Amino acid sequence: MPNPSMDVIDFVVSKQNGVTGLSNDFPLQTLPPPYILPPEERLLPGKILCTDQIPIFDVGDWSDARVASQICDAASRFGFFQVVNHGIPMETMDAVTAAARAFYALPSEERRRFWKGNPAAETVFLQTSFSPMAEAVLEWKDYLMFSYDPENDEASSLWPSVCKDQVMEYMKSAQPVIKNLLAILMKNLNVNEIDESLSNSLMGSFKISFNHYPKCPNPDLAAGVGRHSDISAITVLLQDDVGGLYVRANEQEEDDRWIHVAPTRGALVINVGDVLQMMSNDLYKSIEHRVVASGARNRVSVPIFVNPREDAAIKPLPEAVAMTGEAAVYREIVFSDYFSYFFSKGHDGKKTIDFAKIK
């Protein structure tokens, strides 16, 4: 195995093997130095709350006023909730999770074809960590990111054959869930119709990711994903049964305690992103979360990031400003600028949203 830190980075990043290749090709007994977190960033047992505070809602009837009230209350108080009976068939969910595992089981040379910057990586790309050239400590994760266009099935022509059909079927099944969630959240802000302009700002772009966290030799020392909030409008997450997602228990930064979002079969984890927090003028909350890899098993998760179009202008909705009775908290920003800023640095909790705040 490579010993010096730079050799590890060269193998994982420059040679495009990812942490999956590192884990597969070498019998790791200890965590390589580039992945070791400083003590203050580790998720120690004393920081984990035993109580389960992430609510689960049955959304079998999207028109039920009680369901809508529960969703909006959770988006305001917790920023996270789970939904069951959402309409996506269990076999479709199982198939896309199996497809993610199948992709990472491919030989390294097959996976490398899709590495970010390679010719095949036009509407799909493979990357490691988060932003490896900008991070002080690498994350124990690879991810395959798909760009999904519901109006253009040909966008999937370059996707890996081992998972293409499963991703397309899952995304088609997820569209009604996404639209119903956003309609409920907007109606609570006194926005009764999502017109084309608002649709571009809320769900003009869909990204789906196959996140892979290989079995980790020292999971207590590493970050699967560092603490952060998503920059999406909302994120729709499908977990496997391994577990490892943690949500900050209190939005106050000094309260460094975390709640485990235990996997629930058939459930989708929904979280508010920064875009929706900005558009709601802080009525909805994007909350920090993180992932810890397993020391026993490989873990996969499949998030859908429901994003604005790149050129969409994001600012607090007039209806939301009127509801709060306060001035707008955020200035108008172009989503591509916010996106670029997010990826220009390592994960740093909720600090990204400060980029958009009115000083």
Protein backbone atom coordinates (compact mmCIF):
# COMPACT_ATOMS: atom_id res chain seq x y z
CA MET A 1 0.00 0.00 0.00
CA PRO A 2 1.21 3.58 -0.58
CA ASN A 3 2.61 4.97 2.66
CA PRO A 4 3.19 8.73 2.33
CA SER A 5 0.06 10.85 2.34
CA MET A 6 0.75 12.23 -1.12
CA ASP A 7 1.04 8.71 -2.54
CA VAL A 8 -2.43 7.95 -1.21
CA ILE A 9 -3.84 11.13 -2.72
CA ASP A 10 -2.11 10.35 -6.01
CA PHE A 11 -3.63 6.85 -6.09
CA VAL A 12 -7.11 7.94 -5.04
CA VAL A 13 -7.46 11.28 -6.83
CA SER A 14 -4.86 11.68 -9.59
CA LYS A 15 -4.96 8.06 -10.74
CA GLN A 16 -8.77 8.10 -10.46
CA ASN A 17 -9.16 5.00 -8.30
CA GLY A 18 -11.23 6.67 -5.59
CA VAL A 19 -11.47 5.43 -2.05
CA THR A 20 -13.30 2.38 -3.45
CA GLY A 21 -10.14 1.38 -5.31
CA LEU A 22 -8.02 2.05 -2.24
CA SER A 23 -10.26 -0.13 -0.11
CA ASN A 24 -10.53 -2.90 -2.73
CA ASP A 25 -6.85 -3.08 -3.70
CA PHE A 26 -5.15 -2.87 -0.31
CA PRO A 27 -5.75 -4.75 2.97
CA LEU A 28 -6.19 -1.62 5.08
CA GLN A 29 -5.68 -2.11 8.80
CA THR A 30 -5.52 1.57 9.71
CA LEU A 31 -6.92 4.73 8.23
CA PRO A 32 -4.51 6.52 5.83
CA PRO A 33 -3.37 9.95 7.16
CA PRO A 34 -5.23 12.08 4.55
CA TYR A 35 -8.53 10.79 5.98
CA ILE A 36 -7.88 11.32 9.71
CA LEU A 37 -10.05 14.06 11.21
CA PRO A 38 -8.73 16.41 13.90
CA PRO A 39 -10.17 15.41 17.30
CA GLU A 40 -12.64 18.31 17.44
CA GLU A 41 -14.30 17.18 14.19
CA ARG A 42 -14.83 13.53 15.19
CA LEU A 43 -18.28 12.25 16.08
CA LEU A 44 -17.53 10.88 19.53
CA PRO A 45 -20.10 8.70 21.35
CA GLY A 46 -20.78 11.45 23.89
CA LYS A 47 -22.05 13.71 21.09
CA ILE A 48 -24.73 11.23 19.96
CA LEU A 49 -28.24 11.44 21.42
CA CYS A 50 -30.06 8.15 21.89
CA THR A 51 -33.51 9.64 21.26
CA ASP A 52 -34.97 9.46 17.75
CA GLN A 53 -36.43 12.86 16.92
CA ILE A 54 -36.70 12.61 13.12
CA PRO A 55 -40.44 12.16 12.43
CA ILE A 56 -41.90 9.67 9.95
CA PHE A 57 -45.08 10.60 8.07
CA ASP A 58 -47.49 8.40 6.12
CA VAL A 59 -48.19 10.34 2.91
CA GLY A 60 -50.54 7.82 1.35
CA ASP A 61 -53.01 10.68 0.89
CA TRP A 62 -51.17 13.80 -0.25
CA SER A 63 -54.40 15.83 -0.06
CA ASP A 64 -54.78 15.19 3.69
CA ALA A 65 -54.50 18.56 5.47
CA ARG A 66 -53.02 16.83 8.52
CA VAL A 67 -50.18 15.40 6.41
CA ALA A 68 -49.46 18.82 4.93
CA SER A 69 -49.38 20.37 8.39
CA GLN A 70 -46.95 17.71 9.65
CA ILE A 71 -44.61 18.20 6.69
CA CYS A 72 -44.50 21.98 7.03
CA ASP A 73 -44.06 21.82 10.79
CA ALA A 74 -41.12 19.42 10.40
CA ALA A 75 -39.55 21.57 7.68
CA SER A 76 -39.77 24.55 10.04
CA ARG A 77 -38.63 22.86 13.26
CA PHE A 78 -36.32 20.00 12.27
CA GLY A 79 -35.40 20.54 8.61
CA PHE A 80 -35.54 16.72 8.30
CA PHE A 81 -38.35 14.18 8.17
CA GLN A 82 -39.12 10.80 6.58
CA VAL A 83 -42.05 9.72 4.43
CA VAL A 84 -43.56 6.29 3.82
CA ASN A 85 -46.35 5.15 1.46
CA HIS A 86 -45.06 7.79 -0.95
CA GLY A 87 -45.86 5.88 -4.12
CA ILE A 88 -42.42 4.68 -5.25
CA PRO A 89 -42.61 0.86 -5.52
CA MET A 90 -40.38 -1.03 -3.13
CA GLU A 91 -38.95 -3.05 -6.00
CA THR A 92 -37.89 0.19 -7.75
CA MET A 93 -36.12 1.36 -4.59
CA ASP A 94 -34.42 -2.00 -4.10
CA ALA A 95 -33.37 -2.07 -7.76
CA VAL A 96 -31.67 1.34 -7.69
CA THR A 97 -29.83 0.51 -4.45
CA ALA A 98 -28.65 -2.79 -5.97
CA ALA A 99 -27.59 -0.90 -9.12
CA ALA A 100 -25.44 1.43 -7.01
CA ARG A 101 -23.69 -1.53 -5.44
CA ALA A 102 -23.26 -3.10 -8.88
CA PHE A 103 -21.53 0.01 -10.21
CA TYR A 104 -18.99 0.06 -7.39
CA ALA A 105 -18.38 -3.65 -7.86
CA LEU A 106 -17.12 -2.98 -11.40
CA PRO A 107 -13.37 -3.23 -12.05
CA SER A 108 -11.43 -0.01 -11.48
CA GLU A 109 -10.79 0.50 -15.19
CA GLU A 110 -14.55 0.42 -15.87
CA ARG A 111 -15.31 2.90 -13.11
CA ARG A 112 -12.53 5.23 -14.28
CA ARG A 113 -14.28 5.71 -17.65
CA PHE A 114 -16.76 7.92 -15.81
CA TRP A 115 -14.27 9.91 -13.74
CA LYS A 116 -14.97 13.64 -13.75
CA GLY A 117 -13.33 15.23 -16.80
CA ASN A 118 -13.15 12.05 -18.88
CA PRO A 119 -14.94 12.02 -22.28
CA ALA A 120 -17.70 9.65 -21.16
CA ALA A 121 -18.55 11.87 -18.20
CA GLU A 122 -20.92 14.32 -19.85
CA THR A 123 -24.21 13.75 -18.05
CA VAL A 124 -22.69 11.53 -15.35
CA PHE A 125 -19.39 11.70 -13.51
CA LEU A 126 -17.51 9.87 -10.77
CA GLN A 127 -15.69 11.78 -8.04
CA THR A 128 -14.13 11.06 -4.67
CA SER A 129 -14.50 12.85 -1.33
CA PHE A 130 -16.29 16.21 -1.75
CA SER A 131 -13.92 18.74 -3.25
CA PRO A 132 -10.58 16.92 -2.89
CA MET A 133 -8.32 19.74 -4.05
CA ALA A 134 -9.86 22.17 -1.54
CA GLU A 135 -10.13 19.95 1.54
CA ALA A 136 -7.70 19.66 4.43
CA VAL A 137 -9.00 16.13 5.18
CA LEU A 138 -10.51 13.81 2.58
CA GLU A 139 -13.91 12.19 3.08
CA TRP A 140 -14.27 8.40 2.98
CA LYS A 141 -16.67 8.44 0.04
CA ASP A 142 -16.95 8.17 -3.73
CA TYR A 143 -19.99 9.38 -5.61
CA LEU A 144 -21.39 8.89 -9.10
CA MET A 145 -23.46 11.95 -10.04
CA PHE A 146 -26.15 11.82 -12.73
CA SER A 147 -27.82 14.83 -14.37
CA TYR A 148 -31.44 13.92 -15.01
CA ASP A 149 -33.65 15.73 -17.50
CA PRO A 150 -37.29 14.56 -17.32
CA GLU A 151 -37.89 15.98 -20.81
CA ASN A 152 -34.99 14.14 -22.45
CA ASP A 153 -34.51 10.40 -22.09
CA GLU A 154 -31.47 10.63 -24.39
CA ALA A 155 -29.56 12.37 -21.58
CA SER A 156 -28.99 8.92 -20.12
CA SER A 157 -27.26 7.54 -23.22
CA LEU A 158 -23.80 7.84 -21.64
CA TRP A 159 -24.78 6.47 -18.24
CA PRO A 160 -23.22 3.14 -17.13
CA SER A 161 -25.19 0.24 -18.55
CA VAL A 162 -25.07 -1.56 -15.20
CA CYS A 163 -27.37 1.05 -13.63
CA LYS A 164 -28.90 3.22 -16.38
CA ASP A 165 -32.35 1.66 -16.51
CA GLN A 166 -32.70 1.51 -12.73
CA VAL A 167 -31.84 5.19 -12.29
CA MET A 168 -34.29 6.24 -15.00
CA GLU A 169 -37.11 4.20 -13.48
CA TYR A 170 -36.39 5.50 -9.98
CA MET A 171 -36.28 9.13 -11.12
CA LYS A 172 -39.54 8.82 -13.03
CA SER A 173 -41.20 7.33 -9.94
CA ALA A 174 -39.77 10.06 -7.71
CA GLN A 175 -41.10 13.00 -9.73
CA PRO A 176 -44.62 12.97 -8.22
CA VAL A 177 -43.14 12.76 -4.70
CA ILE A 178 -40.95 15.79 -5.34
CA LYS A 179 -43.77 17.84 -6.87
CA ASN A 180 -46.20 16.98 -4.07
CA LEU A 181 -43.68 17.91 -1.38
CA LEU A 182 -42.85 21.25 -2.97
CA ALA A 183 -46.51 22.07 -3.60
CA ILE A 184 -47.27 21.51 0.09
CA LEU A 185 -44.29 23.55 1.25
CA MET A 186 -45.12 26.41 -1.12
CA LYS A 187 -48.82 26.48 -0.21
CA ASN A 188 -47.81 26.93 3.43
CA LEU A 189 -45.99 30.09 2.29
CA ASN A 190 -49.21 31.35 0.63
CA VAL A 191 -47.90 30.40 -2.83
CA ASN A 192 -50.77 28.41 -4.34
CA GLU A 193 -49.34 27.84 -7.81
CA ILE A 194 -45.82 26.92 -8.91
CA ASP A 195 -45.50 28.75 -12.23
CA GLU A 196 -42.64 28.26 -14.70
CA SER A 197 -40.39 30.86 -13.08
CA LEU A 198 -40.84 29.43 -9.58
CA SER A 199 -40.44 25.89 -10.93
CA ASN A 200 -37.05 26.88 -12.39
CA SER A 201 -36.02 28.25 -8.99
CA LEU A 202 -37.17 25.19 -7.06
CA MET A 203 -36.73 22.20 -9.32
CA GLY A 204 -35.15 23.32 -12.57
CA SER A 205 -32.36 20.75 -12.23
CA PHE A 206 -32.24 17.23 -10.84
CA LYS A 207 -29.04 15.53 -9.69
CA ILE A 208 -29.04 11.96 -8.44
CA SER A 209 -25.99 10.50 -6.74
CA PHE A 210 -24.76 7.01 -5.96
CA ASN A 211 -22.81 7.58 -2.73
CA HIS A 212 -20.46 4.77 -1.75
CA TYR A 213 -18.78 4.50 1.65
CA PRO A 214 -16.46 1.47 1.66
CA LYS A 215 -15.92 -0.44 4.87
CA CYS A 216 -13.62 1.79 6.92
CA PRO A 217 -10.75 0.54 9.12
CA ASN A 218 -11.20 3.36 11.68
CA PRO A 219 -14.66 4.87 11.19
CA ASP A 220 -14.39 6.83 14.44
CA LEU A 221 -11.47 8.81 12.97
CA ALA A 222 -12.96 9.53 9.54
CA ALA A 223 -15.80 11.45 7.92
CA GLY A 224 -17.96 9.65 5.41
CA VAL A 225 -19.32 13.12 4.76
CA GLY A 226 -18.32 16.12 6.86
CA ARG A 227 -20.90 18.32 8.55
CA HIS A 228 -22.77 20.48 6.06
CA SER A 229 -26.18 21.59 4.87
CA ASP A 230 -27.31 20.85 1.32
CA ILE A 231 -27.55 23.67 -1.20
CA SER A 232 -30.63 22.18 -2.88
CA ALA A 233 -34.24 23.26 -2.52
CA ILE A 234 -34.92 19.83 -1.03
CA THR A 235 -33.04 16.55 -0.98
CA VAL A 236 -34.77 13.16 -1.22
CA LEU A 237 -32.56 10.41 0.21
CA LEU A 238 -32.84 6.65 -0.09
CA GLN A 239 -30.69 4.86 2.52
CA ASP A 240 -29.62 1.24 2.52
CA ASP A 241 -29.86 -0.72 5.78
CA VAL A 242 -26.34 0.03 7.05
CA GLY A 243 -27.03 3.38 8.71
CA GLY A 244 -24.65 6.23 9.46
CA LEU A 245 -26.58 9.45 8.73
CA TYR A 246 -26.54 11.94 11.62
CA VAL A 247 -28.44 15.23 11.93
CA ARG A 248 -27.50 18.08 14.26
CA ALA A 249 -29.88 18.03 17.23
CA ASN A 250 -30.00 21.80 17.56
CA GLU A 251 -29.24 24.45 14.97
CA GLN A 252 -27.12 26.32 17.51
CA GLU A 253 -23.49 25.69 16.54
CA GLU A 254 -22.32 25.43 20.14
CA ASP A 255 -24.67 22.49 20.74
CA ASP A 256 -22.56 19.80 19.09
CA ARG A 257 -24.97 16.87 19.54
CA TRP A 258 -26.27 14.60 16.81
CA ILE A 259 -29.21 12.28 16.14
CA HIS A 260 -28.87 9.09 14.10
CA VAL A 261 -31.43 8.74 11.30
CA ALA A 262 -31.91 5.01 11.54
CA PRO A 263 -32.83 3.35 8.23
CA THR A 264 -36.52 2.50 7.87
CA ARG A 265 -37.37 0.12 5.07
CA GLY A 266 -39.44 1.82 2.40
CA ALA A 267 -38.87 5.31 3.82
CA LEU A 268 -37.39 8.32 2.08
CA VAL A 269 -35.46 10.87 4.13
CA ILE A 270 -36.40 14.43 3.14
CA ASN A 271 -34.39 17.48 4.10
CA VAL A 272 -34.67 21.18 3.44
CA GLY A 273 -31.76 22.72 1.53
CA ASP A 274 -30.25 26.20 1.67
CA VAL A 275 -32.23 27.36 -1.38
CA LEU A 276 -35.55 26.70 0.32
CA GLN A 277 -34.34 28.30 3.54
CA MET A 278 -33.43 31.42 1.56
CA MET A 279 -36.67 31.48 -0.44
CA SER A 280 -38.73 31.03 2.74
CA ASN A 281 -36.80 33.83 4.48
CA ASP A 282 -35.81 31.37 7.24
CA LEU A 283 -39.31 29.95 7.80
CA TYR A 284 -37.90 26.58 6.70
CA LYS A 285 -34.52 25.40 7.98
CA SER A 286 -31.66 23.60 6.26
CA ILE A 287 -29.90 21.64 8.99
CA GLU A 288 -26.35 20.36 9.27
CA HIS A 289 -25.88 16.66 8.80
CA ARG A 290 -22.98 14.24 8.37
CA VAL A 291 -22.27 10.60 7.58
CA VAL A 292 -20.10 8.10 9.42
CA ALA A 293 -18.88 5.08 7.44
CA SER A 294 -19.25 1.56 8.80
CA GLY A 295 -16.38 -0.54 10.08
CA ALA A 296 -18.21 -3.73 9.09
CA ARG A 297 -19.94 -3.17 5.73
CA ASN A 298 -19.90 -1.06 2.59
CA ARG A 299 -22.69 1.54 2.64
CA VAL A 300 -24.56 3.11 -0.28
CA SER A 301 -27.14 5.86 -0.37
CA VAL A 302 -29.02 7.46 -3.24
CA PRO A 303 -29.87 11.15 -2.78
CA ILE A 304 -31.81 13.21 -5.31
CA PHE A 305 -30.78 16.86 -5.12
CA VAL A 306 -33.70 18.99 -6.29
CA ASN A 307 -31.90 22.14 -7.44
CA PRO A 308 -32.71 25.38 -9.25
CA ARG A 309 -31.58 25.88 -12.81
CA GLU A 310 -28.03 27.16 -12.97
CA ASP A 311 -29.15 30.62 -14.14
CA ALA A 312 -32.06 30.90 -11.69
CA ALA A 313 -32.08 33.97 -9.46
CA ILE A 314 -32.72 33.00 -5.82
CA LYS A 315 -34.12 35.39 -3.23
CA PRO A 316 -36.78 35.39 -0.50
CA LEU A 317 -40.30 35.05 -1.86
CA PRO A 318 -42.45 38.16 -1.28
CA GLU A 319 -45.12 35.96 0.32
CA ALA A 320 -42.57 34.57 2.79
CA VAL A 321 -41.26 38.03 3.67
CA ALA A 322 -44.83 39.16 4.30
CA MET A 323 -45.47 36.16 6.55
CA THR A 324 -42.40 36.80 8.70
CA GLY A 325 -43.10 40.50 9.00
CA GLU A 326 -39.36 41.01 8.82
CA ALA A 327 -37.07 42.37 6.12
CA ALA A 328 -35.52 39.94 3.63
CA VAL A 329 -32.58 38.11 5.22
CA TYR A 330 -30.94 37.17 1.91
CA ARG A 331 -29.87 39.09 -1.18
CA GLU A 332 -30.63 37.89 -4.69
CA ILE A 333 -28.03 35.44 -5.97
CA VAL A 334 -27.62 33.35 -9.12
CA PHE A 335 -27.64 29.67 -8.20
CA SER A 336 -24.53 28.88 -10.27
CA ASP A 337 -22.57 31.38 -8.15
CA TYR A 338 -23.79 29.75 -4.94
CA PHE A 339 -22.99 26.30 -6.33
CA SER A 340 -19.45 27.36 -7.28
CA TYR A 341 -18.83 28.87 -3.86
CA PHE A 342 -20.05 25.67 -2.13
CA PHE A 343 -17.58 23.51 -4.04
CA SER A 344 -14.66 25.95 -3.69
CA LYS A 345 -13.99 24.77 -0.14
CA GLY A 346 -14.38 21.79 2.14
CA HIS A 347 -17.55 21.10 4.09
CA ASP A 348 -17.87 23.66 6.89
CA GLY A 349 -21.26 23.24 8.49
CA LYS A 350 -23.79 26.01 7.75
CA LYS A 351 -21.26 28.65 6.73
CA THR A 352 -22.08 28.50 3.01
CA ILE A 353 -25.42 30.24 3.49
CA ASP A 354 -23.61 33.31 4.87
CA PHE A 355 -22.55 33.94 1.25
CA ALA A 356 -26.14 34.96 0.48
CA LYS A 357 -27.01 36.91 3.63
CA ILE A 358 -27.57 40.64 3.52
CA LYS A 359 -24.76 42.10 5.60
